Amino acid sequence: MKRADAEQQGRRAEWLAAWWLRLQGWRILAQRVKLKTGEVDLIARKGRTVAFVEVKWRRDASQLGASIDAHRLRRVAKAAEMLAGKHAGPGDDVRIDVILMAPGTWPRRIANAWQPGA
């Protein structure tokens, strides 16, 4: 797959993940937020929980397990730290979630995928 095709498919997956979250009662606060320290694909809120979401798409569902690692989550966490003050208020729970997507499968959300110090 060419880089441009992969980028386009990644954007489509983020769009689909945003709608999937909306159907589950989440409100999307921001999409594709890029900072020097990292990038957050989606920022979503449901009640008192603000989730900084990493979306991963693979052509083959068997590759999804290897698509996320500590290095990638650490970059999302660093970006989330910088953005939390803008999107989360006092008493809100803030977490890092991952949504894994592949053709022919339902999105799989890993809630609270990253813990500080992990």
C-alpha atoms as a PDB file:
ATOM      1  CA  MET A   1       0.000   0.000   0.000  1.00  0.00           C
ATOM      2  CA  LYS A   2       1.351   3.399  -0.955  1.00  0.00           C
ATOM      3  CA  ARG A   3       1.969   5.971   1.772  1.00  0.00           C
ATOM      4  CA  ALA A   4      -0.746   8.291   0.418  1.00  0.00           C
ATOM      5  CA  ASP A   5      -3.251   5.422   0.321  1.00  0.00           C
ATOM      6  CA  ALA A   6      -2.351   4.439   3.874  1.00  0.00           C
ATOM      7  CA  GLU A   7      -2.785   8.048   5.029  1.00  0.00           C
ATOM      8  CA  GLN A   8      -6.180   8.264   3.354  1.00  0.00           C
ATOM      9  CA  GLN A   9      -7.291   4.971   4.902  1.00  0.00           C
ATOM     10  CA  GLY A  10      -6.080   6.157   8.316  1.00  0.00           C
ATOM     11  CA  ARG A  11      -8.148   9.328   8.018  1.00  0.00           C
ATOM     12  CA  ARG A  12     -11.176   7.273   7.004  1.00  0.00           C
ATOM     13  CA  ALA A  13     -10.668   4.991  10.007  1.00  0.00           C
ATOM     14  CA  GLU A  14     -10.497   8.025  12.316  1.00  0.00           C
ATOM     15  CA  TRP A  15     -13.726   9.358  10.819  1.00  0.00           C
ATOM     16  CA  LEU A  16     -15.446   5.983  11.297  1.00  0.00           C
ATOM     17  CA  ALA A  17     -14.101   5.682  14.848  1.00  0.00           C
ATOM     18  CA  ALA A  18     -15.475   9.137  15.664  1.00  0.00           C
ATOM     19  CA  TRP A  19     -18.927   8.133  14.449  1.00  0.00           C
ATOM     20  CA  TRP A  20     -18.734   4.820  16.301  1.00  0.00           C
ATOM     21  CA  LEU A  21     -17.936   6.705  19.513  1.00  0.00           C
ATOM     22  CA  ARG A  22     -20.813   9.135  18.882  1.00  0.00           C
ATOM     23  CA  LEU A  23     -23.189   6.191  18.569  1.00  0.00           C
ATOM     24  CA  GLN A  24     -22.007   5.083  22.007  1.00  0.00           C
ATOM     25  CA  GLY A  25     -22.803   8.454  23.549  1.00  0.00           C
ATOM     26  CA  TRP A  26     -19.398  10.161  23.292  1.00  0.00           C
ATOM     27  CA  ARG A  27     -19.017  13.755  22.128  1.00  0.00           C
ATOM     28  CA  ILE A  28     -16.016  14.404  19.881  1.00  0.00           C
ATOM     29  CA  LEU A  29     -14.115  17.458  21.134  1.00  0.00           C
ATOM     30  CA  ALA A  30     -11.270  17.443  18.610  1.00  0.00           C
ATOM     31  CA  GLN A  31      -9.744  15.393  15.811  1.00  0.00           C
ATOM     32  CA  ARG A  32      -6.173  15.023  14.526  1.00  0.00           C
ATOM     33  CA  VAL A  33      -4.460  17.257  17.042  1.00  0.00           C
ATOM     34  CA  LYS A  34      -0.722  17.439  16.333  1.00  0.00           C
ATOM     35  CA  LEU A  35       1.920  18.726  18.727  1.00  0.00           C
ATOM     36  CA  LYS A  36       5.712  18.462  18.724  1.00  0.00           C
ATOM     37  CA  THR A  37       5.509  15.813  21.451  1.00  0.00           C
ATOM     38  CA  GLY A  38       2.922  13.642  19.713  1.00  0.00           C
ATOM     39  CA  GLU A  39      -0.446  13.406  18.061  1.00  0.00           C
ATOM     40  CA  VAL A  40      -3.938  12.575  19.257  1.00  0.00           C
ATOM     41  CA  ASP A  41      -6.354  11.161  16.692  1.00  0.00           C
ATOM     42  CA  LEU A  42      -9.549  11.899  18.655  1.00  0.00           C
ATOM     43  CA  ILE A  43     -10.442  13.645  21.884  1.00  0.00           C
ATOM     44  CA  ALA A  44     -13.825  12.542  23.192  1.00  0.00           C
ATOM     45  CA  ARG A  45     -15.981  13.172  26.249  1.00  0.00           C
ATOM     46  CA  LYS A  46     -18.685  11.079  27.872  1.00  0.00           C
ATOM     47  CA  GLY A  47     -19.955  12.418  31.163  1.00  0.00           C
ATOM     48  CA  ARG A  48     -16.955  13.136  33.402  1.00  0.00           C
ATOM     49  CA  THR A  49     -14.525  11.104  31.275  1.00  0.00           C
ATOM     50  CA  VAL A  50     -12.259  12.632  28.640  1.00  0.00           C
ATOM     51  CA  ALA A  51     -10.536  10.100  26.398  1.00  0.00           C
ATOM     52  CA  PHE A  52      -7.534  10.814  24.210  1.00  0.00           C
ATOM     53  CA  VAL A  53      -7.943   8.185  21.504  1.00  0.00           C
ATOM     54  CA  GLU A  54      -5.383   6.545  19.251  1.00  0.00           C
ATOM     55  CA  VAL A  55      -7.022   4.937  16.183  1.00  0.00           C
ATOM     56  CA  LYS A  56      -5.228   2.105  14.393  1.00  0.00           C
ATOM     57  CA  TRP A  57      -6.369   0.577  11.120  1.00  0.00           C
ATOM     58  CA  ARG A  58      -4.913  -2.476   9.432  1.00  0.00           C
ATOM     59  CA  ARG A  59      -5.915  -4.274   6.254  1.00  0.00           C
ATOM     60  CA  ASP A  60      -5.848  -7.569   8.118  1.00  0.00           C
ATOM     61  CA  ALA A  61      -7.436  -7.956  11.573  1.00  0.00           C
ATOM     62  CA  SER A  62      -4.674 -10.404  12.562  1.00  0.00           C
ATOM     63  CA  GLN A  63      -2.195  -7.475  12.420  1.00  0.00           C
ATOM     64  CA  LEU A  64      -4.107  -5.289  14.891  1.00  0.00           C
ATOM     65  CA  GLY A  65      -2.402  -6.663  17.997  1.00  0.00           C
ATOM     66  CA  ALA A  66       1.002  -5.499  16.775  1.00  0.00           C
ATOM     67  CA  SER A  67      -0.241  -2.067  15.668  1.00  0.00           C
ATOM     68  CA  ILE A  68       0.002  -0.451  19.095  1.00  0.00           C
ATOM     69  CA  ASP A  69       2.985  -0.420  21.431  1.00  0.00           C
ATOM     70  CA  ALA A  70       4.326   1.445  24.448  1.00  0.00           C
ATOM     71  CA  HIS A  71       6.280   3.922  22.295  1.00  0.00           C
ATOM     72  CA  ARG A  72       3.170   5.020  20.387  1.00  0.00           C
ATOM     73  CA  LEU A  73       1.074   5.206  23.541  1.00  0.00           C
ATOM     74  CA  ARG A  74       3.764   7.250  25.290  1.00  0.00           C
ATOM     75  CA  ARG A  75       3.610   9.843  22.461  1.00  0.00           C
ATOM     76  CA  VAL A  76      -0.185  10.028  22.765  1.00  0.00           C
ATOM     77  CA  ALA A  77       0.143  10.354  26.544  1.00  0.00           C
ATOM     78  CA  LYS A  78       2.629  13.227  26.223  1.00  0.00           C
ATOM     79  CA  ALA A  79       0.299  15.060  23.858  1.00  0.00           C
ATOM     80  CA  ALA A  80      -2.656  14.324  26.153  1.00  0.00           C
ATOM     81  CA  GLU A  81      -0.793  15.852  29.107  1.00  0.00           C
ATOM     82  CA  MET A  82      -0.389  19.078  27.156  1.00  0.00           C
ATOM     83  CA  LEU A  83      -4.020  19.095  25.982  1.00  0.00           C
ATOM     84  CA  ALA A  84      -5.784  17.936  29.144  1.00  0.00           C
ATOM     85  CA  GLY A  85      -6.089  21.426  30.618  1.00  0.00           C
ATOM     86  CA  LYS A  86      -7.982  22.585  27.550  1.00  0.00           C
ATOM     87  CA  HIS A  87     -10.420  19.657  27.369  1.00  0.00           C
ATOM     88  CA  ALA A  88     -10.776  18.322  30.928  1.00  0.00           C
ATOM     89  CA  GLY A  89     -11.961  20.123  34.007  1.00  0.00           C
ATOM     90  CA  PRO A  90     -11.444  19.571  37.718  1.00  0.00           C
ATOM     91  CA  GLY A  91     -12.773  16.173  38.750  1.00  0.00           C
ATOM     92  CA  ASP A  92     -12.813  14.759  35.224  1.00  0.00           C
ATOM     93  CA  ASP A  93     -11.268  11.371  34.589  1.00  0.00           C
ATOM     94  CA  VAL A  94      -8.665  11.523  31.814  1.00  0.00           C
ATOM     95  CA  ARG A  95      -7.505   8.418  30.015  1.00  0.00           C
ATOM     96  CA  ILE A  96      -5.847   7.095  26.877  1.00  0.00           C
ATOM     97  CA  ASP A  97      -7.997   4.768  24.756  1.00  0.00           C
ATOM     98  CA  VAL A  98      -7.196   2.837  21.601  1.00  0.00           C
ATOM     99  CA  ILE A  99      -9.614   1.873  18.842  1.00  0.00           C
ATOM    100  CA  LEU A 100      -8.475  -0.951  16.575  1.00  0.00           C
ATOM    101  CA  MET A 101     -10.140  -1.288  13.169  1.00  0.00           C
ATOM    102  CA  ALA A 102      -9.923  -3.647  10.192  1.00  0.00           C
ATOM    103  CA  PRO A 103     -12.197  -4.417   7.255  1.00  0.00           C
ATOM    104  CA  GLY A 104     -15.032  -6.799   8.079  1.00  0.00           C
ATOM    105  CA  THR A 105     -14.707  -6.408  11.854  1.00  0.00           C
ATOM    106  CA  TRP A 106     -16.361  -4.217  14.443  1.00  0.00           C
ATOM    107  CA  PRO A 107     -14.126  -1.581  16.017  1.00  0.00           C
ATOM    108  CA  ARG A 108     -12.471  -2.802  19.207  1.00  0.00           C
ATOM    109  CA  ARG A 109     -11.913  -0.218  21.935  1.00  0.00           C
ATOM    110  CA  ILE A 110      -9.266  -0.677  24.580  1.00  0.00           C
ATOM    111  CA  ALA A 111     -10.294   1.680  27.362  1.00  0.00           C
ATOM    112  CA  ASN A 112      -7.553   3.096  29.570  1.00  0.00           C
ATOM    113  CA  ALA A 113      -4.835   1.502  27.455  1.00  0.00           C
ATOM    114  CA  TRP A 114      -2.021   3.538  29.027  1.00  0.00           C
ATOM    115  CA  GLN A 115      -1.182   4.086  32.665  1.00  0.00           C
ATOM    116  CA  PRO A 116       1.415   6.668  33.743  1.00  0.00           C
ATOM    117  CA  GLY A 117       4.688   4.957  34.465  1.00  0.00           C
ATOM    118  CA  ALA A 118       3.761   1.990  32.244  1.00  0.00           C
END
